[in-house]
Every structure is written in C-alpha cells, then in structure tokens.
Amino acid sequence: MCAGAAVAFAQESSTETQKPASEYKDSAKDMQAVELSELPAAVTASLQGQDYSGWTVGKAFKKEKDGKTVYKVELSNGSETKMVKLDADGNKLKEKEKDKSVQ
C-alpha cells in the first residue's frame, strides 16, 4: 500500500511541475537572469554603441526562443528606463520604454 501511495504522489508531483500554456506566453516567467559579464561580446558592444550612449545597463536576462538565445536588458538614463531585446549577435529585436509612475 505504501508503494502505491508513493507512485500516486510521484505522479501528482510531476504534473504540478508542468507549466500551464498561459505561463509560456509570459516572457518574464521563462527568462533566466544573467550577470552582465556573461553577455556575449556582440551584445555588450551594441549596448556600448551610439544608440545607448548615456544609458546604464541594469539587469540582464536570457531565454531560448526557437532554438536561438534572446537577451533582454534593462537600461536606465536618469529617471528614464527601457527594456531592450537583442539576439546573440547584438541585433536589436525590440525596445520598450518603461513608465516608472505605473510601477
């Protein structure tokens, strides 16, 4: 009987670790925090380029998407903050201004 309970518990536990489909759509949930020193040289070079002159790099995250690594970096310049998504080659995929008053 104990073995049956252990098997039932193991099955129950494994189903709990599966994420619902809605969680996969939320990119913040599957992003992995990375140290700035772990960013690829191409990403670092893009962040130090003319487009982001005066901006300070804050947090950085990465995730695998369609077999490719995508990096999401938080930048700040005074009271302004924005999030930039870059591919491993440092190409900008998306940029979004963040409104601190909403937070």
PDB file of N, CA and C in Angstrom:
ATOM      1  N   MET A   1       0.822  -1.192   0.000  1.00  0.00           N
ATOM      2  CA  MET A   1       0.000   0.000   0.000  1.00  0.00           C
ATOM      3  C   MET A   1       0.870   1.261   0.000  1.00  0.00           C
ATOM      4  N   CYS A   2       1.942   1.224   0.756  1.00  0.00           N
ATOM      5  CA  CYS A   2       2.841   2.385   0.773  1.00  0.00           C
ATOM      6  C   CYS A   2       3.427   2.649  -0.600  1.00  0.00           C
ATOM      7  N   ALA A   3       3.771   1.591  -1.319  1.00  0.00           N
ATOM      8  CA  ALA A   3       4.336   1.759  -2.657  1.00  0.00           C
ATOM      9  C   ALA A   3       3.317   2.409  -3.584  1.00  0.00           C
ATOM     10  N   GLY A   4       2.059   2.001  -3.454  1.00  0.00           N
ATOM     11  CA  GLY A   4       1.001   2.598  -4.274  1.00  0.00           C
ATOM     12  C   GLY A   4       0.849   4.073  -3.986  1.00  0.00           C
ATOM     13  N   ALA A   5       0.944   4.451  -2.727  1.00  0.00           N
ATOM     14  CA  ALA A   5       0.833   5.857  -2.354  1.00  0.00           C
ATOM     15  C   ALA A   5       2.017   6.648  -2.884  1.00  0.00           C
ATOM     16  N   ALA A   6       3.204   6.059  -2.852  1.00  0.00           N
ATOM     17  CA  ALA A   6       4.398   6.747  -3.355  1.00  0.00           C
ATOM     18  C   ALA A   6       4.292   6.980  -4.853  1.00  0.00           C
ATOM     19  N   VAL A   7       3.789   5.981  -5.586  1.00  0.00           N
ATOM     20  CA  VAL A   7       3.618   6.128  -7.029  1.00  0.00           C
ATOM     21  C   VAL A   7       2.596   7.213  -7.324  1.00  0.00           C
ATOM     22  N   ALA A   8       1.492   7.212  -6.598  1.00  0.00           N
ATOM     23  CA  ALA A   8       0.457   8.230  -6.806  1.00  0.00           C
ATOM     24  C   ALA A   8       1.009   9.610  -6.500  1.00  0.00           C
ATOM     25  N   PHE A   9       1.799   9.726  -5.419  1.00  0.00           N
ATOM     26  CA  PHE A   9       2.382  11.015  -5.067  1.00  0.00           C
ATOM     27  C   PHE A   9       3.371  11.467  -6.127  1.00  0.00           C
ATOM     28  N   ALA A  10       4.180  10.553  -6.648  1.00  0.00           N
ATOM     29  CA  ALA A  10       5.161  10.899  -7.683  1.00  0.00           C
ATOM     30  C   ALA A  10       4.458  11.389  -8.940  1.00  0.00           C
ATOM     31  N   GLN A  11       3.359  10.736  -9.307  1.00  0.00           N
ATOM     32  CA  GLN A  11       2.615  11.168 -10.481  1.00  0.00           C
ATOM     33  C   GLN A  11       2.015  12.543 -10.256  1.00  0.00           C
ATOM     34  N   GLU A  12       1.503  12.759  -9.059  1.00  0.00           N
ATOM     35  CA  GLU A  12       0.912  14.049  -8.724  1.00  0.00           C
ATOM     36  C   GLU A  12       1.958  15.150  -8.764  1.00  0.00           C
ATOM     37  N   SER A  13       3.154  14.885  -8.225  1.00  0.00           N
ATOM     38  CA  SER A  13       4.224  15.877  -8.196  1.00  0.00           C
ATOM     39  C   SER A  13       4.681  16.239  -9.592  1.00  0.00           C
ATOM     40  N   SER A  14       4.800  15.254 -10.471  1.00  0.00           N
ATOM     41  CA  SER A  14       5.297  15.535 -11.814  1.00  0.00           C
ATOM     42  C   SER A  14       4.315  16.390 -12.601  1.00  0.00           C
ATOM     43  N   THR A  15       3.025  16.241 -12.348  1.00  0.00           N
ATOM     44  CA  THR A  15       2.060  17.068 -13.066  1.00  0.00           C
ATOM     45  C   THR A  15       2.068  18.490 -12.534  1.00  0.00           C
ATOM     46  N   GLU A  16       2.450  18.671 -11.268  1.00  0.00           N
ATOM     47  CA  GLU A  16       2.492  20.013 -10.698  1.00  0.00           C
ATOM     48  C   GLU A  16       3.621  20.846 -11.289  1.00  0.00           C
ATOM     49  N   THR A  17       4.699  20.197 -11.761  1.00  0.00           N
ATOM     50  CA  THR A  17       5.831  20.944 -12.291  1.00  0.00           C
ATOM     51  C   THR A  17       5.593  21.412 -13.717  1.00  0.00           C
ATOM     52  N   GLN A  18       4.584  20.885 -14.379  1.00  0.00           N
ATOM     53  CA  GLN A  18       4.290  21.328 -15.737  1.00  0.00           C
ATOM     54  C   GLN A  18       3.612  22.695 -15.682  1.00  0.00           C
ATOM     55  N   LYS A  19       4.101  23.600 -16.530  1.00  0.00           N
ATOM     56  CA  LYS A  19       3.534  24.944 -16.547  1.00  0.00           C
ATOM     57  C   LYS A  19       2.308  24.983 -17.448  1.00  0.00           C
ATOM     58  N   PRO A  20       1.293  25.733 -17.048  1.00  0.00           N
ATOM     59  CA  PRO A  20       0.154  25.906 -17.951  1.00  0.00           C
ATOM     60  C   PRO A  20       0.571  26.688 -19.191  1.00  0.00           C
ATOM     61  N   ALA A  21      -0.137  26.498 -20.282  1.00  0.00           N
ATOM     62  CA  ALA A  21       0.208  27.153 -21.543  1.00  0.00           C
ATOM     63  C   ALA A  21       0.267  28.667 -21.397  1.00  0.00           C
ATOM     64  N   SER A  22      -0.560  29.242 -20.541  1.00  0.00           N
ATOM     65  CA  SER A  22      -0.582  30.697 -20.377  1.00  0.00           C
ATOM     66  C   SER A  22       0.734  31.215 -19.822  1.00  0.00           C
ATOM     67  N   GLU A  23       1.444  30.400 -19.019  1.00  0.00           N
ATOM     68  CA  GLU A  23       2.713  30.843 -18.458  1.00  0.00           C
ATOM     69  C   GLU A  23       3.790  30.939 -19.519  1.00  0.00           C
ATOM     70  N   TYR A  24       3.745  30.107 -20.532  1.00  0.00           N
ATOM     71  CA  TYR A  24       4.752  30.156 -21.583  1.00  0.00           C
ATOM     72  C   TYR A  24       4.652  31.438 -22.401  1.00  0.00           C
ATOM     73  N   LYS A  25       3.488  32.025 -22.445  1.00  0.00           N
ATOM     74  CA  LYS A  25       3.292  33.258 -23.198  1.00  0.00           C
ATOM     75  C   LYS A  25       3.895  34.461 -22.482  1.00  0.00           C
ATOM     76  N   ASP A  26       4.035  34.382 -21.170  1.00  0.00           N
ATOM     77  CA  ASP A  26       4.576  35.481 -20.386  1.00  0.00           C
ATOM     78  C   ASP A  26       6.098  35.372 -20.377  1.00  0.00           C
ATOM     79  N   SER A  27       6.766  36.203 -21.169  1.00  0.00           N
ATOM     80  CA  SER A  27       8.208  36.094 -21.338  1.00  0.00           C
ATOM     81  C   SER A  27       8.984  36.293 -20.049  1.00  0.00           C
ATOM     82  N   ALA A  28       8.476  37.044 -19.111  1.00  0.00           N
ATOM     83  CA  ALA A  28       9.201  37.276 -17.865  1.00  0.00           C
ATOM     84  C   ALA A  28       9.327  35.993 -17.056  1.00  0.00           C
ATOM     85  N   LYS A  29       8.393  35.079 -17.198  1.00  0.00           N
ATOM     86  CA  LYS A  29       8.412  33.844 -16.420  1.00  0.00           C
ATOM     87  C   LYS A  29       9.502  32.889 -16.880  1.00  0.00           C
ATOM     88  N   ASP A  30       9.828  32.860 -18.169  1.00  0.00           N
ATOM     89  CA  ASP A  30      10.830  31.908 -18.643  1.00  0.00           C
ATOM     90  C   ASP A  30      12.175  32.570 -18.934  1.00  0.00           C
ATOM     91  N   MET A  31      12.369  33.771 -18.459  1.00  0.00           N
ATOM     92  CA  MET A  31      13.651  34.454 -18.602  1.00  0.00           C
ATOM     93  C   MET A  31      14.564  34.023 -17.462  1.00  0.00           C
ATOM     94  N   GLN A  32      15.836  33.870 -17.769  1.00  0.00           N
ATOM     95  CA  GLN A  32      16.833  33.487 -16.776  1.00  0.00           C
ATOM     96  C   GLN A  32      17.766  34.670 -16.554  1.00  0.00           C
ATOM     97  N   ALA A  33      17.911  35.098 -15.312  1.00  0.00           N
ATOM     98  CA  ALA A  33      18.799  36.212 -15.006  1.00  0.00           C
ATOM     99  C   ALA A  33      20.241  35.813 -15.302  1.00  0.00           C
ATOM    100  N   VAL A  34      20.992  36.747 -15.894  1.00  0.00           N
ATOM    101  CA  VAL A  34      22.409  36.509 -16.176  1.00  0.00           C
ATOM    102  C   VAL A  34      23.217  37.704 -15.687  1.00  0.00           C
ATOM    103  N   GLU A  35      24.458  37.437 -15.354  1.00  0.00           N
ATOM    104  CA  GLU A  35      25.372  38.509 -14.975  1.00  0.00           C
ATOM    105  C   GLU A  35      25.751  39.272 -16.238  1.00  0.00           C
ATOM    106  N   LEU A  36      26.031  40.565 -16.096  1.00  0.00           N
ATOM    107  CA  LEU A  36      26.417  41.369 -17.256  1.00  0.00           C
ATOM    108  C   LEU A  36      27.682  40.816 -17.905  1.00  0.00           C
ATOM    109  N   SER A  37      28.560  40.248 -17.095  1.00  0.00           N
ATOM    110  CA  SER A  37      29.804  39.669 -17.624  1.00  0.00           C
ATOM    111  C   SER A  37      29.549  38.428 -18.481  1.00  0.00           C
ATOM    112  N   GLU A  38      28.362  37.840 -18.368  1.00  0.00           N
ATOM    113  CA  GLU A  38      28.002  36.648 -19.142  1.00  0.00           C
ATOM    114  C   GLU A  38      27.390  36.985 -20.501  1.00  0.00           C
ATOM    115  N   LEU A  39      27.108  38.251 -20.752  1.00  0.00           N
ATOM    116  CA  LEU A  39      26.533  38.645 -22.040  1.00  0.00           C
ATOM    117  C   LEU A  39      27.570  38.439 -23.142  1.00  0.00           C
ATOM    118  N   PRO A  40      27.144  37.989 -24.321  1.00  0.00           N
ATOM    119  CA  PRO A  40      28.085  37.843 -25.438  1.00  0.00           C
ATOM    120  C   PRO A  40      28.720  39.180 -25.800  1.00  0.00           C
ATOM    121  N   ALA A  41      29.925  39.129 -26.333  1.00  0.00           N
ATOM    122  CA  ALA A  41      30.661  40.343 -26.699  1.00  0.00           C
ATOM    123  C   ALA A  41      29.858  41.217 -27.663  1.00  0.00           C
ATOM    124  N   ALA A  42      29.126  40.595 -28.598  1.00  0.00           N
ATOM    125  CA  ALA A  42      28.340  41.367 -29.569  1.00  0.00           C
ATOM    126  C   ALA A  42      27.217  42.146 -28.889  1.00  0.00           C
ATOM    127  N   VAL A  43      26.597  41.550 -27.879  1.00  0.00           N
ATOM    128  CA  VAL A  43      25.531  42.223 -27.130  1.00  0.00           C
ATOM    129  C   VAL A  43      26.120  43.384 -26.342  1.00  0.00           C
ATOM    130  N   THR A  44      27.230  43.143 -25.660  1.00  0.00           N
ATOM    131  CA  THR A  44      27.903  44.191 -24.895  1.00  0.00           C
ATOM    132  C   THR A  44      28.315  45.339 -25.803  1.00  0.00           C
ATOM    133  N   ALA A  45      28.852  45.015 -26.976  1.00  0.00           N
ATOM    134  CA  ALA A  45      29.273  46.054 -27.930  1.00  0.00           C
ATOM    135  C   ALA A  45      28.080  46.898 -28.373  1.00  0.00           C
ATOM    136  N   SER A  46      26.934  46.257 -28.627  1.00  0.00           N
ATOM    137  CA  SER A  46      25.731  47.005 -29.028  1.00  0.00           C
ATOM    138  C   SER A  46      25.280  47.943 -27.918  1.00  0.00           C
ATOM    139  N   LEU A  47      25.329  47.465 -26.677  1.00  0.00           N
ATOM    140  CA  LEU A  47      24.899  48.285 -25.538  1.00  0.00           C
ATOM    141  C   LEU A  47      25.845  49.450 -25.289  1.00  0.00           C
ATOM    142  N   GLN A  48      27.099  49.312 -25.691  1.00  0.00           N
ATOM    143  CA  GLN A  48      28.072  50.388 -25.521  1.00  0.00           C
ATOM    144  C   GLN A  48      28.131  51.304 -26.736  1.00  0.00           C
ATOM    145  N   GLY A  49      27.346  50.985 -27.765  1.00  0.00           N
ATOM    146  CA  GLY A  49      27.348  51.761 -29.006  1.00  0.00           C
ATOM    147  C   GLY A  49      26.599  53.073 -28.881  1.00  0.00           C
ATOM    148  N   GLN A  50      26.554  53.781 -29.984  1.00  0.00           N
ATOM    149  CA  GLN A  50      25.962  55.113 -30.049  1.00  0.00           C
ATOM    150  C   GLN A  50      24.477  55.123 -29.685  1.00  0.00           C
ATOM    151  N   ASP A  51      23.739  54.064 -30.024  1.00  0.00           N
ATOM    152  CA  ASP A  51      22.296  54.015 -29.739  1.00  0.00           C
ATOM    153  C   ASP A  51      21.991  54.111 -28.251  1.00  0.00           C
ATOM    154  N   TYR A  52      22.907  53.653 -27.409  1.00  0.00           N
ATOM    155  CA  TYR A  52      22.657  53.617 -25.970  1.00  0.00           C
ATOM    156  C   TYR A  52      23.669  54.457 -25.189  1.00  0.00           C
ATOM    157  N   SER A  53      24.250  55.426 -25.854  1.00  0.00           N
ATOM    158  CA  SER A  53      25.192  56.337 -25.204  1.00  0.00           C
ATOM    159  C   SER A  53      24.471  57.089 -24.079  1.00  0.00           C
ATOM    160  N   GLY A  54      25.052  57.081 -22.882  1.00  0.00           N
ATOM    161  CA  GLY A  54      24.432  57.741 -21.740  1.00  0.00           C
ATOM    162  C   GLY A  54      23.522  56.840 -20.928  1.00  0.00           C
ATOM    163  N   TRP A  55      23.238  55.651 -21.427  1.00  0.00           N
ATOM    164  CA  TRP A  55      22.372  54.698 -20.731  1.00  0.00           C
ATOM    165  C   TRP A  55      23.223  53.745 -19.905  1.00  0.00           C
ATOM    166  N   THR A  56      22.726  53.390 -18.734  1.00  0.00           N
ATOM    167  CA  THR A  56      23.407  52.460 -17.840  1.00  0.00           C
ATOM    168  C   THR A  56      22.690  51.120 -17.880  1.00  0.00           C
ATOM    169  N   VAL A  57      23.466  50.057 -18.039  1.00  0.00           N
ATOM    170  CA  VAL A  57      22.893  48.715 -18.068  1.00  0.00           C
ATOM    171  C   VAL A  57      22.583  48.282 -16.643  1.00  0.00           C
ATOM    172  N   GLY A  58      21.351  47.823 -16.430  1.00  0.00           N
ATOM    173  CA  GLY A  58      20.932  47.346 -15.118  1.00  0.00           C
ATOM    174  C   GLY A  58      20.923  45.830 -15.092  1.00  0.00           C
ATOM    175  N   LYS A  59      19.746  45.250 -15.151  1.00  0.00           N
ATOM    176  CA  LYS A  59      19.586  43.794 -15.113  1.00  0.00           C
ATOM    177  C   LYS A  59      19.622  43.227 -16.525  1.00  0.00           C
ATOM    178  N   ALA A  60      20.031  41.960 -16.614  1.00  0.00           N
ATOM    179  CA  ALA A  60      20.050  41.270 -17.903  1.00  0.00           C
ATOM    180  C   ALA A  60      19.454  39.878 -17.731  1.00  0.00           C
ATOM    181  N   PHE A  61      18.740  39.439 -18.751  1.00  0.00           N
ATOM    182  CA  PHE A  61      18.078  38.139 -18.752  1.00  0.00           C
ATOM    183  C   PHE A  61      18.297  37.478 -20.100  1.00  0.00           C
ATOM    184  N   LYS A  62      18.144  36.161 -20.137  1.00  0.00           N
ATOM    185  CA  LYS A  62      18.211  35.458 -21.419  1.00  0.00           C
ATOM    186  C   LYS A  62      17.166  34.361 -21.441  1.00  0.00           C
ATOM    187  N   LYS A  63      16.814  33.966 -22.664  1.00  0.00           N
ATOM    188  CA  LYS A  63      15.925  32.815 -22.839  1.00  0.00           C
ATOM    189  C   LYS A  63      16.162  32.233 -24.218  1.00  0.00           C
ATOM    190  N   GLU A  64      15.812  30.972 -24.317  1.00  0.00           N
ATOM    191  CA  GLU A  64      15.891  30.276 -25.594  1.00  0.00           C
ATOM    192  C   GLU A  64      14.550  30.441 -26.292  1.00  0.00           C
ATOM    193  N   LYS A  65      14.596  30.847 -27.549  1.00  0.00           N
ATOM    194  CA  LYS A  65      13.369  31.010 -28.325  1.00  0.00           C
ATOM    195  C   LYS A  65      13.627  30.508 -29.736  1.00  0.00           C
ATOM    196  N   ASP A  66      12.882  29.513 -30.146  1.00  0.00           N
ATOM    197  CA  ASP A  66      13.032  28.913 -31.473  1.00  0.00           C
ATOM    198  C   ASP A  66      14.468  28.482 -31.739  1.00  0.00           C
ATOM    199  N   GLY A  67      15.129  27.938 -30.716  1.00  0.00           N
ATOM    200  CA  GLY A  67      16.495  27.456 -30.867  1.00  0.00           C
ATOM    201  C   GLY A  67      17.562  28.540 -30.821  1.00  0.00           C
ATOM    202  N   LYS A  68      17.159  29.763 -30.573  1.00  0.00           N
ATOM    203  CA  LYS A  68      18.101  30.885 -30.513  1.00  0.00           C
ATOM    204  C   LYS A  68      18.020  31.543 -29.151  1.00  0.00           C
ATOM    205  N   THR A  69      19.116  32.126 -28.716  1.00  0.00           N
ATOM    206  CA  THR A  69      19.140  32.817 -27.434  1.00  0.00           C
ATOM    207  C   THR A  69      18.796  34.281 -27.633  1.00  0.00           C
ATOM    208  N   VAL A  70      17.860  34.762 -26.824  1.00  0.00           N
ATOM    209  CA  VAL A  70      17.436  36.164 -26.861  1.00  0.00           C
ATOM    210  C   VAL A  70      17.798  36.780 -25.511  1.00  0.00           C
ATOM    211  N   TYR A  71      18.355  37.983 -25.547  1.00  0.00           N
ATOM    212  CA  TYR A  71      18.745  38.682 -24.324  1.00  0.00           C
ATOM    213  C   TYR A  71      17.836  39.882 -24.114  1.00  0.00           C
ATOM    214  N   LYS A  72      17.405  40.080 -22.876  1.00  0.00           N
ATOM    215  CA  LYS A  72      16.566  41.208 -22.509  1.00  0.00           C
ATOM    216  C   LYS A  72      17.359  41.996 -21.466  1.00  0.00           C
ATOM    217  N   VAL A  73      17.598  43.265 -21.756  1.00  0.00           N
ATOM    218  CA  VAL A  73      18.451  44.085 -20.896  1.00  0.00           C
ATOM    219  C   VAL A  73      17.693  45.338 -20.470  1.00  0.00           C
ATOM    220  N   GLU A  74      17.777  45.641 -19.186  1.00  0.00           N
ATOM    221  CA  GLU A  74      17.158  46.847 -18.649  1.00  0.00           C
ATOM    222  C   GLU A  74      18.197  47.963 -18.661  1.00  0.00           C
ATOM    223  N   LEU A  75      17.824  49.095 -19.238  1.00  0.00           N
ATOM    224  CA  LEU A  75      18.705  50.264 -19.318  1.00  0.00           C
ATOM    225  C   LEU A  75      18.068  51.438 -18.598  1.00  0.00           C
ATOM    226  N   SER A  76      18.898  52.292 -17.999  1.00  0.00           N
ATOM    227  CA  SER A  76      18.358  53.489 -17.356  1.00  0.00           C
ATOM    228  C   SER A  76      19.224  54.692 -17.706  1.00  0.00           C
ATOM    229  N   ASN A  77      18.559  55.836 -17.758  1.00  0.00           N
ATOM    230  CA  ASN A  77      19.218  57.111 -18.043  1.00  0.00           C
ATOM    231  C   ASN A  77      18.467  58.151 -17.226  1.00  0.00           C
ATOM    232  N   GLY A  78      19.005  58.476 -16.046  1.00  0.00           N
ATOM    233  CA  GLY A  78      18.287  59.374 -15.140  1.00  0.00           C
ATOM    234  C   GLY A  78      17.028  58.693 -14.659  1.00  0.00           C
ATOM    235  N   SER A  79      15.880  59.326 -14.864  1.00  0.00           N
ATOM    236  CA  SER A  79      14.608  58.737 -14.425  1.00  0.00           C
ATOM    237  C   SER A  79      13.968  57.865 -15.507  1.00  0.00           C
ATOM    238  N   GLU A  80      14.564  57.831 -16.691  1.00  0.00           N
ATOM    239  CA  GLU A  80      14.035  57.010 -17.779  1.00  0.00           C
ATOM    240  C   GLU A  80      14.563  55.578 -17.683  1.00  0.00           C
ATOM    241  N   THR A  81      13.709  54.632 -18.022  1.00  0.00           N
ATOM    242  CA  THR A  81      14.087  53.225 -18.048  1.00  0.00           C
ATOM    243  C   THR A  81      13.490  52.597 -19.287  1.00  0.00           C
ATOM    244  N   LYS A  82      14.245  51.690 -19.902  1.00  0.00           N
ATOM    245  CA  LYS A  82      13.707  50.944 -21.038  1.00  0.00           C
ATOM    246  C   LYS A  82      14.279  49.543 -21.048  1.00  0.00           C
ATOM    247  N   MET A  83      13.555  48.656 -21.716  1.00  0.00           N
ATOM    248  CA  MET A  83      13.972  47.272 -21.890  1.00  0.00           C
ATOM    249  C   MET A  83      14.290  47.071 -23.363  1.00  0.00           C
ATOM    250  N   VAL A  84      15.408  46.417 -23.622  1.00  0.00           N
ATOM    251  CA  VAL A  84      15.832  46.150 -24.990  1.00  0.00           C
ATOM    252  C   VAL A  84      16.036  44.650 -25.142  1.00  0.00           C
ATOM    253  N   LYS A  85      15.487  44.097 -26.219  1.00  0.00           N
ATOM    254  CA  LYS A  85      15.706  42.686 -26.546  1.00  0.00           C
ATOM    255  C   LYS A  85      16.701  42.627 -27.695  1.00  0.00           C
ATOM    256  N   LEU A  86      17.721  41.788 -27.515  1.00  0.00           N
ATOM    257  CA  LEU A  86      18.769  41.641 -28.519  1.00  0.00           C
ATOM    258  C   LEU A  86      18.999  40.161 -28.797  1.00  0.00           C
ATOM    259  N   ASP A  87      19.410  39.852 -30.031  1.00  0.00           N
ATOM    260  CA  ASP A  87      19.808  38.472 -30.299  1.00  0.00           C
ATOM    261  C   ASP A  87      21.270  38.301 -29.907  1.00  0.00           C
ATOM    262  N   ALA A  88      21.793  37.105 -30.027  1.00  0.00           N
ATOM    263  CA  ALA A  88      23.166  36.817 -29.598  1.00  0.00           C
ATOM    264  C   ALA A  88      24.204  37.576 -30.419  1.00  0.00           C
ATOM    265  N   ASP A  89      23.810  38.064 -31.602  1.00  0.00           N
ATOM    266  CA  ASP A  89      24.713  38.846 -32.446  1.00  0.00           C
ATOM    267  C   ASP A  89      24.653  40.334 -32.143  1.00  0.00           C
ATOM    268  N   GLY A  90      23.853  40.721 -31.143  1.00  0.00           N
ATOM    269  CA  GLY A  90      23.753  42.120 -30.751  1.00  0.00           C
ATOM    270  C   GLY A  90      22.755  42.929 -31.559  1.00  0.00           C
ATOM    271  N   ASN A  91      21.956  42.267 -32.391  1.00  0.00           N
ATOM    272  CA  ASN A  91      20.939  42.964 -33.191  1.00  0.00           C
ATOM    273  C   ASN A  91      19.719  43.239 -32.330  1.00  0.00           C
ATOM    274  N   LYS A  92      19.240  44.495 -32.362  1.00  0.00           N
ATOM    275  CA  LYS A  92      18.059  44.861 -31.584  1.00  0.00           C
ATOM    276  C   LYS A  92      16.819  44.224 -32.192  1.00  0.00           C
ATOM    277  N   LEU A  93      16.075  43.509 -31.351  1.00  0.00           N
ATOM    278  CA  LEU A  93      14.836  42.875 -31.778  1.00  0.00           C
ATOM    279  C   LEU A  93      13.625  43.709 -31.378  1.00  0.00           C
ATOM    280  N   LYS A  94      13.721  44.331 -30.195  1.00  0.00           N
ATOM    281  CA  LYS A  94      12.594  45.098 -29.669  1.00  0.00           C
ATOM    282  C   LYS A  94      13.110  46.047 -28.603  1.00  0.00           C
ATOM    283  N   GLU A  95      12.448  47.189 -28.487  1.00  0.00           N
ATOM    284  CA  GLU A  95      12.794  48.169 -27.454  1.00  0.00           C
ATOM    285  C   GLU A  95      11.503  48.722 -26.890  1.00  0.00           C
ATOM    286  N   LYS A  96      11.433  48.831 -25.568  1.00  0.00           N
ATOM    287  CA  LYS A  96      10.207  49.304 -24.928  1.00  0.00           C
ATOM    288  C   LYS A  96      10.548  50.239 -23.797  1.00  0.00           C
ATOM    289  N   GLU A  97       9.966  51.428 -23.833  1.00  0.00           N
ATOM    290  CA  GLU A  97      10.114  52.384 -22.732  1.00  0.00           C
ATOM    291  C   GLU A  97       9.293  51.902 -21.554  1.00  0.00           C
ATOM    292  N   LYS A  98       9.825  52.048 -20.356  1.00  0.00           N
ATOM    293  CA  LYS A  98       9.083  51.686 -19.154  1.00  0.00           C
ATOM    294  C   LYS A  98       8.673  52.963 -18.444  1.00  0.00           C
ATOM    295  N   ASP A  99       7.429  52.987 -18.005  1.00  0.00           N
ATOM    296  CA  ASP A  99       6.909  54.140 -17.268  1.00  0.00           C
ATOM    297  C   ASP A  99       6.992  53.831 -15.782  1.00  0.00           C
ATOM    298  N   LYS A 100       7.897  54.485 -15.077  1.00  0.00           N
ATOM    299  CA  LYS A 100       8.093  54.206 -13.662  1.00  0.00           C
ATOM    300  C   LYS A 100       6.907  54.617 -12.807  1.00  0.00           C
ATOM    301  N   SER A 101       6.104  55.548 -13.272  1.00  0.00           N
ATOM    302  CA  SER A 101       4.964  56.006 -12.466  1.00  0.00           C
ATOM    303  C   SER A 101       3.907  54.915 -12.310  1.00  0.00           C
ATOM    304  N   VAL A 102       3.872  53.938 -13.243  1.00  0.00           N
ATOM    305  CA  VAL A 102       2.891  52.865 -13.206  1.00  0.00           C
ATOM    306  C   VAL A 102       3.312  51.808 -12.184  1.00  0.00           C
ATOM    307  N   GLN A 103       4.601  51.641 -11.984  1.00  0.00           N
ATOM    308  CA  GLN A 103       5.098  50.617 -11.084  1.00  0.00           C
ATOM    309  C   GLN A 103       4.758  50.992  -9.719  1.00  0.00           C
TER     310      GLN A 103
END
